[in-house]
Protein backbone atom coordinates (compact mmCIF):
# COMPACT_ATOMS: atom_id res chain seq x y z
CA MET A 1 97.93 84.52 107.79
CA PRO A 2 98.56 84.12 111.54
CA ASP A 3 95.58 84.41 113.85
CA THR A 4 95.35 87.95 115.22
CA THR A 5 91.95 87.70 116.91
CA SER A 6 93.59 87.83 120.37
CA SER A 7 96.11 90.57 119.55
CA LEU A 8 94.37 93.05 121.89
CA PHE A 9 93.97 90.60 124.79
CA PRO A 10 96.20 91.77 127.69
CA GLY A 11 96.67 88.27 129.09
CA VAL A 12 95.17 86.36 131.99
CA THR A 13 97.75 87.50 134.56
CA VAL A 14 97.41 91.21 133.83
CA SER A 15 93.62 90.95 133.56
CA LEU A 16 93.27 89.26 136.95
CA LEU A 17 95.58 91.78 138.64
CA ALA A 18 93.69 94.70 137.08
CA ILE A 19 90.36 93.21 138.19
CA ALA A 20 91.81 92.80 141.69
CA ALA A 21 92.61 96.53 141.71
CA LEU A 22 88.96 97.23 140.90
CA VAL A 23 87.55 94.80 143.45
CA ARG A 24 89.89 95.82 146.26
CA GLY A 25 89.34 99.53 145.60
CA GLU A 26 92.83 100.67 144.60
CA ALA A 27 91.48 101.70 141.20
CA TRP A 28 89.00 104.07 142.85
CA ARG A 29 90.93 105.50 145.80
CA ASP A 30 94.14 106.58 144.05
CA PRO A 31 93.69 109.46 141.56
CA ARG A 32 96.49 108.06 139.40
CA ALA A 33 94.73 104.70 139.21
CA ARG A 34 91.45 106.42 138.32
CA MET A 35 93.18 108.21 135.47
CA VAL A 36 94.59 104.93 134.16
CA LEU A 37 91.17 103.28 134.49
CA VAL A 38 89.61 106.04 132.37
CA ILE A 39 92.29 105.52 129.70
CA ALA A 40 91.57 101.78 129.66
CA VAL A 41 87.82 102.26 129.33
CA VAL A 42 88.06 104.98 126.66
CA GLY A 43 90.49 102.89 124.62
CA ALA A 44 88.28 99.80 124.81
CA VAL A 45 85.13 101.72 123.87
CA LEU A 46 86.64 103.64 120.94
CA ALA A 47 88.17 100.41 119.59
CA PHE A 48 84.67 99.41 118.45
CA GLY A 49 84.86 102.21 115.88
CA ALA A 50 81.80 102.47 113.65
CA ASN A 51 80.07 99.80 115.77
CA LEU A 52 79.94 102.24 118.66
CA PRO A 53 76.72 104.32 118.75
CA GLY A 54 77.61 107.97 118.20
CA TYR A 55 81.07 107.24 116.80
CA ARG A 56 80.13 108.76 113.44
CA TRP A 57 79.26 112.04 115.13
CA LEU A 58 82.54 111.99 117.07
CA TYR A 59 84.42 111.20 113.87
CA ASP A 60 82.88 114.18 112.08
CA HIS A 61 83.60 116.63 114.92
CA LEU A 62 86.93 115.43 116.34
CA PRO A 63 89.83 115.78 113.85
CA LEU A 64 91.92 113.42 116.00
CA LEU A 65 89.63 110.51 115.14
CA GLN A 66 89.93 111.27 111.43
CA GLY A 67 93.66 110.63 111.66
CA ILE A 68 93.20 107.05 112.90
CA ARG A 69 93.16 104.62 110.01
CA ALA A 70 92.07 101.59 112.07
CA ALA A 71 89.83 102.38 115.03
CA SER A 72 90.72 99.05 116.63
CA ARG A 73 94.12 100.54 117.43
CA PHE A 74 92.50 102.53 120.22
CA GLY A 75 92.66 99.17 121.99
CA TRP A 76 96.36 99.81 122.50
CA LEU A 77 95.39 102.45 125.06
CA THR A 78 93.75 99.66 127.04
CA LEU A 79 96.81 97.45 126.66
CA PHE A 80 98.90 100.36 127.92
CA ALA A 81 96.64 101.11 130.88
CA LEU A 82 95.76 97.68 132.27
CA PRO A 83 99.35 96.67 133.23
CA ILE A 84 99.67 99.97 135.11
CA LEU A 85 96.42 99.26 136.90
CA ALA A 86 97.68 95.76 137.68
CA GLY A 87 100.78 97.35 139.14
CA PHE A 88 98.70 98.99 141.86
CA THR A 89 97.60 95.54 143.03
CA VAL A 90 101.15 94.22 142.98
CA SER A 91 102.36 97.29 144.85
CA VAL A 92 99.92 96.65 147.70
CA TRP A 93 100.93 93.00 147.93
CA ILE A 94 104.64 93.74 147.91
CA ARG A 95 104.39 96.30 150.72
CA ARG A 96 102.89 93.60 152.95
CA LEU A 97 105.67 91.06 152.27
CA SER A 98 109.24 90.70 153.40
CA PRO A 99 111.89 91.74 150.83
CA SER A 100 112.66 88.14 149.89
CA LYS A 101 109.00 87.20 149.42
CA ALA A 102 108.35 90.43 147.52
CA ALA A 103 111.22 89.63 145.14
CA ALA A 104 109.88 86.09 144.68
CA LEU A 105 106.40 87.41 143.90
CA ALA A 106 107.70 89.97 141.40
CA THR A 107 109.81 87.29 139.71
CA ALA A 108 106.90 84.84 139.51
CA LEU A 109 104.57 87.46 138.01
CA SER A 110 107.23 88.53 135.50
CA ILE A 111 107.67 84.92 134.40
CA ALA A 112 103.90 84.41 134.11
CA VAL A 113 103.47 87.51 131.94
CA SER A 114 106.45 86.54 129.77
CA ILE A 115 105.16 83.01 129.22
CA GLU A 116 101.75 84.35 128.17
CA ALA A 117 103.38 86.72 125.69
CA LEU A 118 105.76 84.10 124.29
CA ARG A 119 105.57 83.63 120.53
CA ALA A 120 107.94 80.80 119.68
CA PRO A 121 109.44 79.45 117.62
CA MET A 122 109.86 82.59 115.51
CA ALA A 123 110.17 82.21 111.76
CA PHE A 124 112.55 84.36 109.74
CA THR A 125 112.97 84.88 106.01
CA ALA A 126 116.55 84.89 104.81
CA TYR A 127 117.48 87.96 102.78
CA GLU A 128 119.23 86.86 99.60
CA GLY A 129 119.55 90.23 97.92
CA ILE A 130 117.51 91.84 95.17
CA PRO A 131 117.08 89.61 92.08
CA LYS A 132 118.94 90.91 89.02
CA ILE A 133 115.73 91.17 86.99
CA TYR A 134 114.75 94.23 89.02
CA GLU A 135 117.71 96.14 87.63
CA ARG A 136 116.14 95.77 84.22
CA ILE A 137 112.71 96.70 85.55
CA ALA A 138 114.13 99.83 87.20
CA GLY A 139 115.43 101.00 83.82
CA MET A 140 112.17 100.44 81.94
CA PRO A 141 110.03 103.57 81.44
CA ASP A 142 106.27 103.63 82.02
CA ILE A 143 106.11 100.10 83.42
CA VAL A 144 103.30 99.00 85.73
CA LEU A 145 104.15 95.65 87.26
CA ALA A 146 102.17 92.70 88.63
CA GLU A 147 103.88 89.67 90.15
CA LEU A 148 102.96 86.00 90.39
CA PRO A 149 102.21 84.37 92.69
CA PHE A 150 99.56 86.93 93.59
CA PRO A 151 98.39 85.66 97.00
CA PRO A 152 94.75 85.73 98.12
CA ARG A 153 93.55 88.28 100.64
CA THR A 154 94.03 85.84 103.53
CA SER A 155 97.75 85.51 102.69
CA ILE A 156 98.42 89.09 101.65
CA GLN A 157 101.57 89.17 103.78
CA ASP A 158 103.20 86.97 101.11
CA ASN A 159 103.44 90.13 99.00
CA GLY A 160 106.12 91.35 101.39
CA PRO A 161 109.11 90.55 99.13
CA SER A 162 107.46 92.21 96.12
CA VAL A 163 106.79 95.37 98.14
CA LEU A 164 110.39 95.32 99.39
CA TYR A 165 111.76 95.13 95.85
CA ALA A 166 109.35 97.88 94.73
CA ALA A 167 111.07 100.21 97.19
CA TRP A 168 114.22 99.66 95.10
CA HIS A 169 112.93 99.74 91.50
CA LEU A 170 110.27 102.43 92.26
CA LYS A 171 107.78 101.27 89.64
CA PRO A 172 104.00 101.02 90.24
CA LEU A 173 103.07 97.58 91.58
CA LEU A 174 99.70 95.81 91.56
CA ASN A 175 100.72 93.60 94.50
CA GLY A 176 100.56 95.19 97.92
CA TYR A 177 100.70 94.59 101.65
CA SER A 178 99.29 96.87 104.34
CA GLY A 179 97.09 96.94 107.39
CA PHE A 180 94.33 98.06 105.04
CA THR A 181 93.28 95.89 102.10
CA PRO A 182 90.97 97.55 99.54
CA ALA A 183 88.08 95.65 98.01
CA SER A 184 89.83 95.89 94.63
CA TYR A 185 92.54 93.55 95.87
CA SER A 186 90.25 90.51 95.71
CA LYS A 187 89.16 91.55 92.22
CA HIS A 188 92.76 91.79 91.08
CA GLU A 189 93.60 88.44 92.70
CA ALA A 190 90.77 86.81 90.75
CA ILE A 191 92.14 88.28 87.52
CA MET A 192 95.69 87.14 88.25
CA ARG A 193 94.44 83.65 89.11
CA LEU A 194 93.37 83.19 85.47
CA PHE A 195 96.60 84.50 83.95
CA PRO A 196 97.62 84.13 81.09
CA ALA A 197 94.09 83.58 79.72
CA ALA A 198 93.01 86.18 77.19
CA ASP A 199 90.34 87.65 79.50
CA SER A 200 92.86 87.98 82.30
CA VAL A 201 95.40 89.74 80.09
CA GLN A 202 92.76 92.13 78.76
CA SER A 203 91.57 92.94 82.27
CA LEU A 204 95.13 93.64 83.39
CA ARG A 205 95.66 95.94 80.44
CA ALA A 206 92.42 97.73 81.30
CA ILE A 207 93.66 98.59 84.80
CA GLY A 208 97.02 99.72 83.46
CA VAL A 209 99.30 96.73 84.08
CA SER A 210 101.97 96.51 81.40
CA HIS A 211 104.18 93.64 82.63
CA VAL A 212 103.86 90.48 84.71
CA LEU A 213 106.80 88.97 86.56
CA LEU A 214 106.73 85.28 87.53
CA HIS A 215 108.87 83.78 90.27
CA LYS A 216 109.55 80.29 88.95
CA ARG A 217 110.08 78.52 92.25
CA ARG A 218 106.84 79.87 93.68
CA VAL A 219 104.43 79.10 90.82
CA ALA A 220 103.25 75.82 89.30
CA ALA A 221 105.19 74.34 86.39
CA ASP A 222 101.95 74.23 84.37
CA LEU A 223 101.63 78.00 84.67
CA LEU A 224 105.14 78.50 83.34
CA LYS A 225 104.30 76.30 80.39
CA LEU A 226 101.04 78.16 79.69
CA CYS A 227 102.85 81.49 79.76
CA ALA A 228 105.55 80.24 77.40
CA GLU A 229 102.90 79.10 74.91
CA SER A 230 100.48 82.03 75.27
CA PRO A 231 100.00 84.31 72.24
CA GLU A 232 98.64 87.04 74.55
CA ILE A 233 101.96 87.94 76.18
CA VAL A 234 105.52 88.52 75.03
CA LEU A 235 108.67 87.28 76.77
CA VAL A 236 110.90 90.17 77.80
CA ALA A 237 113.48 88.47 80.01
CA ASP A 238 114.16 85.07 81.57
CA GLN A 239 116.75 85.67 84.24
CA GLY A 240 117.56 83.37 87.13
CA ASP A 241 114.43 82.49 89.06
CA GLU A 242 112.34 85.21 87.39
CA VAL A 243 110.70 85.53 84.00
CA LEU A 244 109.21 88.82 82.80
CA TYR A 245 106.40 89.12 80.27
CA SER A 246 104.97 92.16 78.51
CA LEU A 247 101.23 92.55 78.01
CA THR A 248 101.80 95.09 75.26
CA PRO A 249 101.44 93.71 71.72
CA GLY A 250 104.92 93.53 70.25
CA GLY A 251 106.49 93.57 73.69
CA ARG A 252 108.99 96.03 75.15
């Protein structure tokens, strides 16, 4: 999973310009700048969520806070406000320069901000259509699906294709990908890691999983062999790059 620890950092350029607005006084003299400063501070403080003393009381008494799934997202208010605050500094500088020098300064600052925000090279996943096996899955009643590989919590974004296909076949799926990862995910990953061992199959049955789909190119050859030889599961379909097993005795 890519590092997101700096995702709420506004950048060196914007930070220095915003600090300059505070030091030089623009952030205090102009009522518009004061309003933006308040937004920045409130966003930064509320982003601490439950770590902020008194946040629990605010959460219980302000319905707005109860609608925020991740309190850290209040930090976006700060990211919104600081560039505006920085703009007050730039505005003062530009008014003191000739038009040509002002244009040069604006261009230089734009380039600096863009370089800081650059995320390159960008990786893309080619869309190759929905595998045919999902047509069969879509037509199967009462199926609850789990897919292998089942990535660990740190690579949960690798469930993206499975979630995409689930939007087409509309069957319950054990795999998932969201900004929120429940504690049960790690438990399920541990169970799937042992598949197709008897204990793993029994645990999957206990939580309601009826079928497991393996993507051949993304799992080890040894796992494919173990599944083919396992008496705990029943082959339902082997189609293209996917092989579907039933956990129900007798198969269906």
